[in-house]
Amino acid sequence: MNARTVIIRPIVSEKSYALLAANKYTFRVHERAHKTQVRQAVEEIFGVRVRDVRTMSVKPKPKRRGYTSGKTRGWKKAVVQLHPDDRIELFEGQELGE
């Protein structure tokens, strides 16, 4: 799997910004990607050293629109902890609500 297909996009939320203080970055990843592939993809794309990778599957939520019921799509996310000396500039300097 290509590094650009493993990492789909960064997750921008209050919880992910709270994790930035601990040098942890959150990404939406391919459903079939495992921790080793996520580690290699982040190191290749951003040129940083990865210390730890945590992955989790986000379950679909039930939704209704009138009589029609369904659910949202399930997806996979990864929380990547970097070496203390490394940073990803993509996240730095952005504020929520701007």
PDB file of N, CA and C in Angstrom:
ATOM      1  N   MET A   1       0.836  -1.179   0.000  1.00  0.00           N
ATOM      2  CA  MET A   1       0.000   0.000   0.000  1.00  0.00           C
ATOM      3  C   MET A   1       0.883   1.245   0.000  1.00  0.00           C
ATOM      4  N   ASN A   2       0.506   2.220  -0.780  1.00  0.00           N
ATOM      5  CA  ASN A   2       1.253   3.476  -0.898  1.00  0.00           C
ATOM      6  C   ASN A   2       1.070   4.306   0.377  1.00  0.00           C
ATOM      7  N   ALA A   3       2.074   5.110   0.730  1.00  0.00           N
ATOM      8  CA  ALA A   3       1.995   5.934   1.948  1.00  0.00           C
ATOM      9  C   ALA A   3       0.857   6.938   1.862  1.00  0.00           C
ATOM     10  N   ARG A   4       0.570   7.450   0.672  1.00  0.00           N
ATOM     11  CA  ARG A   4      -0.513   8.434   0.511  1.00  0.00           C
ATOM     12  C   ARG A   4      -1.888   7.785   0.581  1.00  0.00           C
ATOM     13  N   THR A   5      -1.985   6.482   0.361  1.00  0.00           N
ATOM     14  CA  THR A   5      -3.275   5.811   0.519  1.00  0.00           C
ATOM     15  C   THR A   5      -3.496   5.339   1.948  1.00  0.00           C
ATOM     16  N   VAL A   6      -2.424   5.159   2.707  1.00  0.00           N
ATOM     17  CA  VAL A   6      -2.554   4.758   4.114  1.00  0.00           C
ATOM     18  C   VAL A   6      -3.076   5.931   4.928  1.00  0.00           C
ATOM     19  N   ILE A   7      -2.453   7.101   4.800  1.00  0.00           N
ATOM     20  CA  ILE A   7      -2.884   8.301   5.523  1.00  0.00           C
ATOM     21  C   ILE A   7      -3.894   9.024   4.639  1.00  0.00           C
ATOM     22  N   ILE A   8      -5.145   9.096   5.096  1.00  0.00           N
ATOM     23  CA  ILE A   8      -6.178   9.755   4.296  1.00  0.00           C
ATOM     24  C   ILE A   8      -6.183  11.254   4.561  1.00  0.00           C
ATOM     25  N   ARG A   9      -6.297  11.655   5.848  1.00  0.00           N
ATOM     26  CA  ARG A   9      -6.275  13.079   6.190  1.00  0.00           C
ATOM     27  C   ARG A   9      -6.074  13.232   7.691  1.00  0.00           C
ATOM     28  N   PRO A  10      -5.599  14.397   8.136  1.00  0.00           N
ATOM     29  CA  PRO A  10      -5.507  14.652   9.576  1.00  0.00           C
ATOM     30  C   PRO A  10      -6.897  14.932  10.147  1.00  0.00           C
ATOM     31  N   ILE A  11      -7.083  14.615  11.407  1.00  0.00           N
ATOM     32  CA  ILE A  11      -8.349  14.870  12.085  1.00  0.00           C
ATOM     33  C   ILE A  11      -8.201  16.163  12.878  1.00  0.00           C
ATOM     34  N   VAL A  12      -9.095  17.111  12.610  1.00  0.00           N
ATOM     35  CA  VAL A  12      -9.071  18.407  13.286  1.00  0.00           C
ATOM     36  C   VAL A  12     -10.267  18.468  14.228  1.00  0.00           C
ATOM     37  N   SER A  13      -9.993  18.369  15.522  1.00  0.00           N
ATOM     38  CA  SER A  13     -11.045  18.444  16.533  1.00  0.00           C
ATOM     39  C   SER A  13     -10.425  18.980  17.822  1.00  0.00           C
ATOM     40  N   GLU A  14     -11.268  19.290  18.782  1.00  0.00           N
ATOM     41  CA  GLU A  14     -10.759  19.784  20.057  1.00  0.00           C
ATOM     42  C   GLU A  14      -9.909  18.730  20.752  1.00  0.00           C
ATOM     43  N   LYS A  15     -10.351  17.482  20.663  1.00  0.00           N
ATOM     44  CA  LYS A  15      -9.612  16.402  21.312  1.00  0.00           C
ATOM     45  C   LYS A  15      -8.241  16.201  20.658  1.00  0.00           C
ATOM     46  N   SER A  16      -8.182  16.291  19.329  1.00  0.00           N
ATOM     47  CA  SER A  16      -6.895  16.116  18.663  1.00  0.00           C
ATOM     48  C   SER A  16      -5.956  17.280  18.969  1.00  0.00           C
ATOM     49  N   TYR A  17      -6.498  18.493  19.122  1.00  0.00           N
ATOM     50  CA  TYR A  17      -5.647  19.631  19.479  1.00  0.00           C
ATOM     51  C   TYR A  17      -5.169  19.534  20.921  1.00  0.00           C
ATOM     52  N   ALA A  18      -5.941  18.919  21.807  1.00  0.00           N
ATOM     53  CA  ALA A  18      -5.489  18.709  23.184  1.00  0.00           C
ATOM     54  C   ALA A  18      -4.331  17.716  23.221  1.00  0.00           C
ATOM     55  N   LEU A  19      -4.317  16.766  22.302  1.00  0.00           N
ATOM     56  CA  LEU A  19      -3.232  15.774  22.250  1.00  0.00           C
ATOM     57  C   LEU A  19      -1.932  16.358  21.701  1.00  0.00           C
ATOM     58  N   LEU A  20      -1.994  17.512  21.019  1.00  0.00           N
ATOM     59  CA  LEU A  20      -0.779  18.117  20.470  1.00  0.00           C
ATOM     60  C   LEU A  20       0.206  18.494  21.567  1.00  0.00           C
ATOM     61  N   ALA A  21      -0.287  18.793  22.768  1.00  0.00           N
ATOM     62  CA  ALA A  21       0.605  19.137  23.879  1.00  0.00           C
ATOM     63  C   ALA A  21       1.485  17.950  24.260  1.00  0.00           C
ATOM     64  N   ALA A  22       0.987  16.739  24.054  1.00  0.00           N
ATOM     65  CA  ALA A  22       1.758  15.529  24.339  1.00  0.00           C
ATOM     66  C   ALA A  22       2.489  15.019  23.108  1.00  0.00           C
ATOM     67  N   ASN A  23       2.555  15.845  22.045  1.00  0.00           N
ATOM     68  CA  ASN A  23       3.234  15.496  20.798  1.00  0.00           C
ATOM     69  C   ASN A  23       2.582  14.295  20.115  1.00  0.00           C
ATOM     70  N   LYS A  24       1.238  14.247  20.174  1.00  0.00           N
ATOM     71  CA  LYS A  24       0.474  13.186  19.522  1.00  0.00           C
ATOM     72  C   LYS A  24      -0.389  13.804  18.431  1.00  0.00           C
ATOM     73  N   TYR A  25      -0.402  13.165  17.266  1.00  0.00           N
ATOM     74  CA  TYR A  25      -1.125  13.651  16.103  1.00  0.00           C
ATOM     75  C   TYR A  25      -2.129  12.587  15.668  1.00  0.00           C
ATOM     76  N   THR A  26      -3.314  13.025  15.241  1.00  0.00           N
ATOM     77  CA  THR A  26      -4.402  12.115  14.906  1.00  0.00           C
ATOM     78  C   THR A  26      -4.679  12.164  13.408  1.00  0.00           C
ATOM     79  N   PHE A  27      -4.806  10.983  12.796  1.00  0.00           N
ATOM     80  CA  PHE A  27      -5.047  10.862  11.362  1.00  0.00           C
ATOM     81  C   PHE A  27      -6.170   9.874  11.091  1.00  0.00           C
ATOM     82  N   ARG A  28      -6.917  10.134  10.006  1.00  0.00           N
ATOM     83  CA  ARG A  28      -7.825   9.128   9.484  1.00  0.00           C
ATOM     84  C   ARG A  28      -7.003   8.259   8.545  1.00  0.00           C
ATOM     85  N   VAL A  29      -7.076   6.943   8.718  1.00  0.00           N
ATOM     86  CA  VAL A  29      -6.238   6.025   7.944  1.00  0.00           C
ATOM     87  C   VAL A  29      -7.123   5.017   7.214  1.00  0.00           C
ATOM     88  N   HIS A  30      -6.518   4.323   6.274  1.00  0.00           N
ATOM     89  CA  HIS A  30      -7.208   3.287   5.506  1.00  0.00           C
ATOM     90  C   HIS A  30      -7.667   2.180   6.454  1.00  0.00           C
ATOM     91  N   GLU A  31      -8.853   1.614   6.179  1.00  0.00           N
ATOM     92  CA  GLU A  31      -9.432   0.619   7.089  1.00  0.00           C
ATOM     93  C   GLU A  31      -8.577  -0.624   7.244  1.00  0.00           C
ATOM     94  N   ARG A  32      -7.818  -0.983   6.220  1.00  0.00           N
ATOM     95  CA  ARG A  32      -7.024  -2.212   6.278  1.00  0.00           C
ATOM     96  C   ARG A  32      -5.552  -1.969   6.610  1.00  0.00           C
ATOM     97  N   ALA A  33      -5.197  -0.732   6.935  1.00  0.00           N
ATOM     98  CA  ALA A  33      -3.800  -0.418   7.283  1.00  0.00           C
ATOM     99  C   ALA A  33      -3.533  -0.830   8.720  1.00  0.00           C
ATOM    100  N   HIS A  34      -2.359  -1.412   8.966  1.00  0.00           N
ATOM    101  CA  HIS A  34      -1.984  -1.773  10.327  1.00  0.00           C
ATOM    102  C   HIS A  34      -0.931  -0.795  10.845  1.00  0.00           C
ATOM    103  N   LYS A  35      -0.557  -0.980  12.119  1.00  0.00           N
ATOM    104  CA  LYS A  35       0.288   0.001  12.797  1.00  0.00           C
ATOM    105  C   LYS A  35       1.627   0.212  12.106  1.00  0.00           C
ATOM    106  N   THR A  36       2.224  -0.853  11.604  1.00  0.00           N
ATOM    107  CA  THR A  36       3.514  -0.727  10.940  1.00  0.00           C
ATOM    108  C   THR A  36       3.396   0.115   9.671  1.00  0.00           C
ATOM    109  N   GLN A  37       2.327  -0.082   8.912  1.00  0.00           N
ATOM    110  CA  GLN A  37       2.123   0.714   7.701  1.00  0.00           C
ATOM    111  C   GLN A  37       1.875   2.179   8.040  1.00  0.00           C
ATOM    112  N   VAL A  38       1.125   2.445   9.116  1.00  0.00           N
ATOM    113  CA  VAL A  38       0.874   3.825   9.532  1.00  0.00           C
ATOM    114  C   VAL A  38       2.177   4.485   9.950  1.00  0.00           C
ATOM    115  N   ARG A  39       3.001   3.782  10.710  1.00  0.00           N
ATOM    116  CA  ARG A  39       4.302   4.312  11.146  1.00  0.00           C
ATOM    117  C   ARG A  39       5.180   4.665   9.955  1.00  0.00           C
ATOM    118  N   GLN A  40       5.292   3.749   8.997  1.00  0.00           N
ATOM    119  CA  GLN A  40       6.133   3.987   7.823  1.00  0.00           C
ATOM    120  C   GLN A  40       5.595   5.134   6.974  1.00  0.00           C
ATOM    121  N   ALA A  41       4.269   5.238   6.854  1.00  0.00           N
ATOM    122  CA  ALA A  41       3.674   6.294   6.041  1.00  0.00           C
ATOM    123  C   ALA A  41       3.924   7.667   6.663  1.00  0.00           C
ATOM    124  N   VAL A  42       3.752   7.802   7.976  1.00  0.00           N
ATOM    125  CA  VAL A  42       3.978   9.090   8.639  1.00  0.00           C
ATOM    126  C   VAL A  42       5.448   9.479   8.551  1.00  0.00           C
ATOM    127  N   GLU A  43       6.345   8.522   8.757  1.00  0.00           N
ATOM    128  CA  GLU A  43       7.779   8.822   8.657  1.00  0.00           C
ATOM    129  C   GLU A  43       8.166   9.229   7.241  1.00  0.00           C
ATOM    130  N   GLU A  44       7.564   8.598   6.241  1.00  0.00           N
ATOM    131  CA  GLU A  44       7.903   8.916   4.848  1.00  0.00           C
ATOM    132  C   GLU A  44       7.318  10.264   4.417  1.00  0.00           C
ATOM    133  N   ILE A  45       6.065  10.537   4.751  1.00  0.00           N
ATOM    134  CA  ILE A  45       5.404  11.759   4.284  1.00  0.00           C
ATOM    135  C   ILE A  45       5.941  12.991   4.998  1.00  0.00           C
ATOM    136  N   PHE A  46       6.057  12.926   6.326  1.00  0.00           N
ATOM    137  CA  PHE A  46       6.404  14.109   7.105  1.00  0.00           C
ATOM    138  C   PHE A  46       7.873  14.170   7.515  1.00  0.00           C
ATOM    139  N   GLY A  47       8.631  13.095   7.330  1.00  0.00           N
ATOM    140  CA  GLY A  47      10.051  13.108   7.663  1.00  0.00           C
ATOM    141  C   GLY A  47      10.320  13.236   9.156  1.00  0.00           C
ATOM    142  N   VAL A  48       9.558  12.518   9.972  1.00  0.00           N
ATOM    143  CA  VAL A  48       9.710  12.566  11.429  1.00  0.00           C
ATOM    144  C   VAL A  48       9.959  11.152  11.953  1.00  0.00           C
ATOM    145  N   ARG A  49      10.321  11.071  13.235  1.00  0.00           N
ATOM    146  CA  ARG A  49      10.528   9.773  13.881  1.00  0.00           C
ATOM    147  C   ARG A  49       9.307   9.455  14.744  1.00  0.00           C
ATOM    148  N   VAL A  50       8.697   8.314  14.495  1.00  0.00           N
ATOM    149  CA  VAL A  50       7.488   7.909  15.219  1.00  0.00           C
ATOM    150  C   VAL A  50       7.891   7.040  16.402  1.00  0.00           C
ATOM    151  N   ARG A  51       7.354   7.377  17.569  1.00  0.00           N
ATOM    152  CA  ARG A  51       7.635   6.607  18.775  1.00  0.00           C
ATOM    153  C   ARG A  51       6.564   5.551  19.030  1.00  0.00           C
ATOM    154  N   ASP A  52       5.269   5.894  18.811  1.00  0.00           N
ATOM    155  CA  ASP A  52       4.191   4.964  19.131  1.00  0.00           C
ATOM    156  C   ASP A  52       2.998   5.221  18.215  1.00  0.00           C
ATOM    157  N   VAL A  53       2.260   4.165  17.907  1.00  0.00           N
ATOM    158  CA  VAL A  53       1.051   4.272  17.084  1.00  0.00           C
ATOM    159  C   VAL A  53      -0.080   3.537  17.796  1.00  0.00           C
ATOM    160  N   ARG A  54      -1.206   4.218  17.954  1.00  0.00           N
ATOM    161  CA  ARG A  54      -2.421   3.598  18.493  1.00  0.00           C
ATOM    162  C   ARG A  54      -3.485   3.691  17.413  1.00  0.00           C
ATOM    163  N   THR A  55      -4.158   2.584  17.122  1.00  0.00           N
ATOM    164  CA  THR A  55      -5.220   2.598  16.122  1.00  0.00           C
ATOM    165  C   THR A  55      -6.535   2.187  16.770  1.00  0.00           C
ATOM    166  N   MET A  56      -7.619   2.696  16.209  1.00  0.00           N
ATOM    167  CA  MET A  56      -8.946   2.318  16.685  1.00  0.00           C
ATOM    168  C   MET A  56      -9.943   2.425  15.543  1.00  0.00           C
ATOM    169  N   SER A  57     -10.977   1.612  15.606  1.00  0.00           N
ATOM    170  CA  SER A  57     -12.051   1.662  14.627  1.00  0.00           C
ATOM    171  C   SER A  57     -13.189   2.479  15.209  1.00  0.00           C
ATOM    172  N   VAL A  58     -13.614   3.496  14.472  1.00  0.00           N
ATOM    173  CA  VAL A  58     -14.732   4.329  14.884  1.00  0.00           C
ATOM    174  C   VAL A  58     -15.996   3.677  14.356  1.00  0.00           C
ATOM    175  N   LYS A  59     -16.898   3.336  15.243  1.00  0.00           N
ATOM    176  CA  LYS A  59     -18.108   2.616  14.873  1.00  0.00           C
ATOM    177  C   LYS A  59     -19.114   3.561  14.204  1.00  0.00           C
ATOM    178  N   PRO A  60     -19.950   3.022  13.305  1.00  0.00           N
ATOM    179  CA  PRO A  60     -20.967   3.866  12.671  1.00  0.00           C
ATOM    180  C   PRO A  60     -22.055   4.263  13.663  1.00  0.00           C
ATOM    181  N   LYS A  61     -22.606   5.470  13.488  1.00  0.00           N
ATOM    182  CA  LYS A  61     -23.675   5.956  14.356  1.00  0.00           C
ATOM    183  C   LYS A  61     -25.010   5.860  13.619  1.00  0.00           C
ATOM    184  N   PRO A  62     -26.073   5.512  14.328  1.00  0.00           N
ATOM    185  CA  PRO A  62     -27.379   5.497  13.670  1.00  0.00           C
ATOM    186  C   PRO A  62     -27.862   6.918  13.397  1.00  0.00           C
ATOM    187  N   LYS A  63     -28.443   7.131  12.235  1.00  0.00           N
ATOM    188  CA  LYS A  63     -28.978   8.439  11.837  1.00  0.00           C
ATOM    189  C   LYS A  63     -30.364   8.233  11.254  1.00  0.00           C
ATOM    190  N   ARG A  64     -31.223   9.262  11.403  1.00  0.00           N
ATOM    191  CA  ARG A  64     -32.558   9.222  10.830  1.00  0.00           C
ATOM    192  C   ARG A  64     -32.828  10.514  10.080  1.00  0.00           C
ATOM    193  N   ARG A  65     -33.565  10.398   9.001  1.00  0.00           N
ATOM    194  CA  ARG A  65     -34.058  11.562   8.283  1.00  0.00           C
ATOM    195  C   ARG A  65     -35.508  11.242   7.911  1.00  0.00           C
ATOM    196  N   GLY A  66     -36.411  11.710   8.743  1.00  0.00           N
ATOM    197  CA  GLY A  66     -37.815  11.362   8.548  1.00  0.00           C
ATOM    198  C   GLY A  66     -38.031   9.894   8.888  1.00  0.00           C
ATOM    199  N   TYR A  67     -38.695   9.179   7.988  1.00  0.00           N
ATOM    200  CA  TYR A  67     -38.941   7.756   8.215  1.00  0.00           C
ATOM    201  C   TYR A  67     -37.729   6.907   7.859  1.00  0.00           C
ATOM    202  N   THR A  68     -36.827   7.454   7.089  1.00  0.00           N
ATOM    203  CA  THR A  68     -35.681   6.689   6.616  1.00  0.00           C
ATOM    204  C   THR A  68     -34.623   6.620   7.701  1.00  0.00           C
ATOM    205  N   SER A  69     -34.205   5.425   8.027  1.00  0.00           N
ATOM    206  CA  SER A  69     -33.135   5.272   9.013  1.00  0.00           C
ATOM    207  C   SER A  69     -31.944   4.617   8.341  1.00  0.00           C
ATOM    208  N   GLY A  70     -30.787   4.955   8.835  1.00  0.00           N
ATOM    209  CA  GLY A  70     -29.549   4.402   8.297  1.00  0.00           C
ATOM    210  C   GLY A  70     -28.450   4.635   9.303  1.00  0.00           C
ATOM    211  N   LYS A  71     -27.218   4.560   8.847  1.00  0.00           N
ATOM    212  CA  LYS A  71     -26.111   4.855   9.734  1.00  0.00           C
ATOM    213  C   LYS A  71     -24.943   5.444   8.963  1.00  0.00           C
ATOM    214  N   THR A  72     -24.090   6.143   9.703  1.00  0.00           N
ATOM    215  CA  THR A  72     -22.923   6.753   9.088  1.00  0.00           C
ATOM    216  C   THR A  72     -21.899   5.672   8.784  1.00  0.00           C
ATOM    217  N   ARG A  73     -20.918   6.033   8.021  1.00  0.00           N
ATOM    218  CA  ARG A  73     -19.867   5.102   7.636  1.00  0.00           C
ATOM    219  C   ARG A  73     -18.880   4.922   8.791  1.00  0.00           C
ATOM    220  N   GLY A  74     -18.460   3.700   9.044  1.00  0.00           N
ATOM    221  CA  GLY A  74     -17.411   3.443  10.017  1.00  0.00           C
ATOM    222  C   GLY A  74     -16.058   3.733   9.399  1.00  0.00           C
ATOM    223  N   TRP A  75     -15.071   4.089  10.213  1.00  0.00           N
ATOM    224  CA  TRP A  75     -13.740   4.414   9.707  1.00  0.00           C
ATOM    225  C   TRP A  75     -12.702   4.107  10.771  1.00  0.00           C
ATOM    226  N   LYS A  76     -11.445   4.231  10.392  1.00  0.00           N
ATOM    227  CA  LYS A  76     -10.336   3.894  11.284  1.00  0.00           C
ATOM    228  C   LYS A  76      -9.489   5.130  11.515  1.00  0.00           C
ATOM    229  N   LYS A  77      -9.062   5.334  12.758  1.00  0.00           N
ATOM    230  CA  LYS A  77      -8.172   6.458  13.039  1.00  0.00           C
ATOM    231  C   LYS A  77      -6.944   5.964  13.779  1.00  0.00           C
ATOM    232  N   ALA A  78      -5.884   6.755  13.677  1.00  0.00           N
ATOM    233  CA  ALA A  78      -4.619   6.420  14.321  1.00  0.00           C
ATOM    234  C   ALA A  78      -4.109   7.642  15.061  1.00  0.00           C
ATOM    235  N   VAL A  79      -3.656   7.428  16.291  1.00  0.00           N
ATOM    236  CA  VAL A  79      -3.013   8.470  17.080  1.00  0.00           C
ATOM    237  C   VAL A  79      -1.525   8.133  17.096  1.00  0.00           C
ATOM    238  N   VAL A  80      -0.724   9.036  16.545  1.00  0.00           N
ATOM    239  CA  VAL A  80       0.707   8.806  16.364  1.00  0.00           C
ATOM    240  C   VAL A  80       1.475   9.708  17.315  1.00  0.00           C
ATOM    241  N   GLN A  81       2.317   9.098  18.159  1.00  0.00           N
ATOM    242  CA  GLN A  81       3.180   9.877  19.045  1.00  0.00           C
ATOM    243  C   GLN A  81       4.570   9.961  18.427  1.00  0.00           C
ATOM    244  N   LEU A  82       5.075  11.189  18.356  1.00  0.00           N
ATOM    245  CA  LEU A  82       6.377  11.421  17.728  1.00  0.00           C
ATOM    246  C   LEU A  82       7.476  11.502  18.776  1.00  0.00           C
ATOM    247  N   HIS A  83       8.706  11.438  18.297  1.00  0.00           N
ATOM    248  CA  HIS A  83       9.879  11.656  19.133  1.00  0.00           C
ATOM    249  C   HIS A  83       9.797  13.079  19.689  1.00  0.00           C
ATOM    250  N   PRO A  84      10.231  13.328  20.929  1.00  0.00           N
ATOM    251  CA  PRO A  84      10.090  14.669  21.528  1.00  0.00           C
ATOM    252  C   PRO A  84      10.721  15.804  20.725  1.00  0.00           C
ATOM    253  N   ASP A  85      11.723  15.521  19.903  1.00  0.00           N
ATOM    254  CA  ASP A  85      12.384  16.572  19.126  1.00  0.00           C
ATOM    255  C   ASP A  85      11.666  16.891  17.818  1.00  0.00           C
ATOM    256  N   ASP A  86      10.718  16.047  17.395  1.00  0.00           N
ATOM    257  CA  ASP A  86      10.077  16.202  16.089  1.00  0.00           C
ATOM    258  C   ASP A  86       8.719  16.881  16.215  1.00  0.00           C
ATOM    259  N   ARG A  87       8.331  17.572  15.146  1.00  0.00           N
ATOM    260  CA  ARG A  87       7.032  18.244  15.040  1.00  0.00           C
ATOM    261  C   ARG A  87       6.522  18.085  13.613  1.00  0.00           C
ATOM    262  N   ILE A  88       5.206  18.147  13.449  1.00  0.00           N
ATOM    263  CA  ILE A  88       4.590  18.194  12.129  1.00  0.00           C
ATOM    264  C   ILE A  88       4.032  19.597  11.966  1.00  0.00           C
ATOM    265  N   GLU A  89       4.539  20.339  11.001  1.00  0.00           N
ATOM    266  CA  GLU A  89       4.179  21.741  10.840  1.00  0.00           C
ATOM    267  C   GLU A  89       2.761  21.934  10.321  1.00  0.00           C
ATOM    268  N   LEU A  90       2.164  20.893   9.776  1.00  0.00           N
ATOM    269  CA  LEU A  90       0.807  20.981   9.253  1.00  0.00           C
ATOM    270  C   LEU A  90      -0.176  21.413  10.340  1.00  0.00           C
ATOM    271  N   PHE A  91       0.020  20.948  11.563  1.00  0.00           N
ATOM    272  CA  PHE A  91      -0.893  21.225  12.659  1.00  0.00           C
ATOM    273  C   PHE A  91      -0.536  22.510  13.402  1.00  0.00           C
ATOM    274  N   GLU A  92       0.699  22.918  13.362  1.00  0.00           N
ATOM    275  CA  GLU A  92       1.158  24.029  14.189  1.00  0.00           C
ATOM    276  C   GLU A  92       0.616  25.364  13.702  1.00  0.00           C
ATOM    277  N   GLY A  93       0.270  26.237  14.617  1.00  0.00           N
ATOM    278  CA  GLY A  93      -0.132  27.591  14.279  1.00  0.00           C
ATOM    279  C   GLY A  93      -1.558  27.744  13.812  1.00  0.00           C
ATOM    280  N   GLN A  94      -2.370  26.700  13.895  1.00  0.00           N
ATOM    281  CA  GLN A  94      -3.767  26.806  13.520  1.00  0.00           C
ATOM    282  C   GLN A  94      -4.617  26.815  14.780  1.00  0.00           C
ATOM    283  N   GLU A  95      -5.636  27.646  14.780  1.00  0.00           N
ATOM    284  CA  GLU A  95      -6.537  27.740  15.926  1.00  0.00           C
ATOM    285  C   GLU A  95      -7.908  27.234  15.513  1.00  0.00           C
ATOM    286  N   LEU A  96      -8.615  26.622  16.432  1.00  0.00           N
ATOM    287  CA  LEU A  96      -9.976  26.202  16.150  1.00  0.00           C
ATOM    288  C   LEU A  96     -10.876  27.418  16.068  1.00  0.00           C
ATOM    289  N   GLY A  97     -11.816  27.395  15.175  1.00  0.00           N
ATOM    290  CA  GLY A  97     -12.766  28.486  15.041  1.00  0.00           C
ATOM    291  C   GLY A  97     -12.316  29.587  14.106  1.00  0.00           C
ATOM    292  N   GLU A  98     -11.143  29.495  13.549  1.00  0.00           N
ATOM    293  CA  GLU A  98     -10.683  30.532  12.622  1.00  0.00           C
ATOM    294  C   GLU A  98     -10.858  30.089  11.194  1.00  0.00           C
TER     295      GLU A  98
END
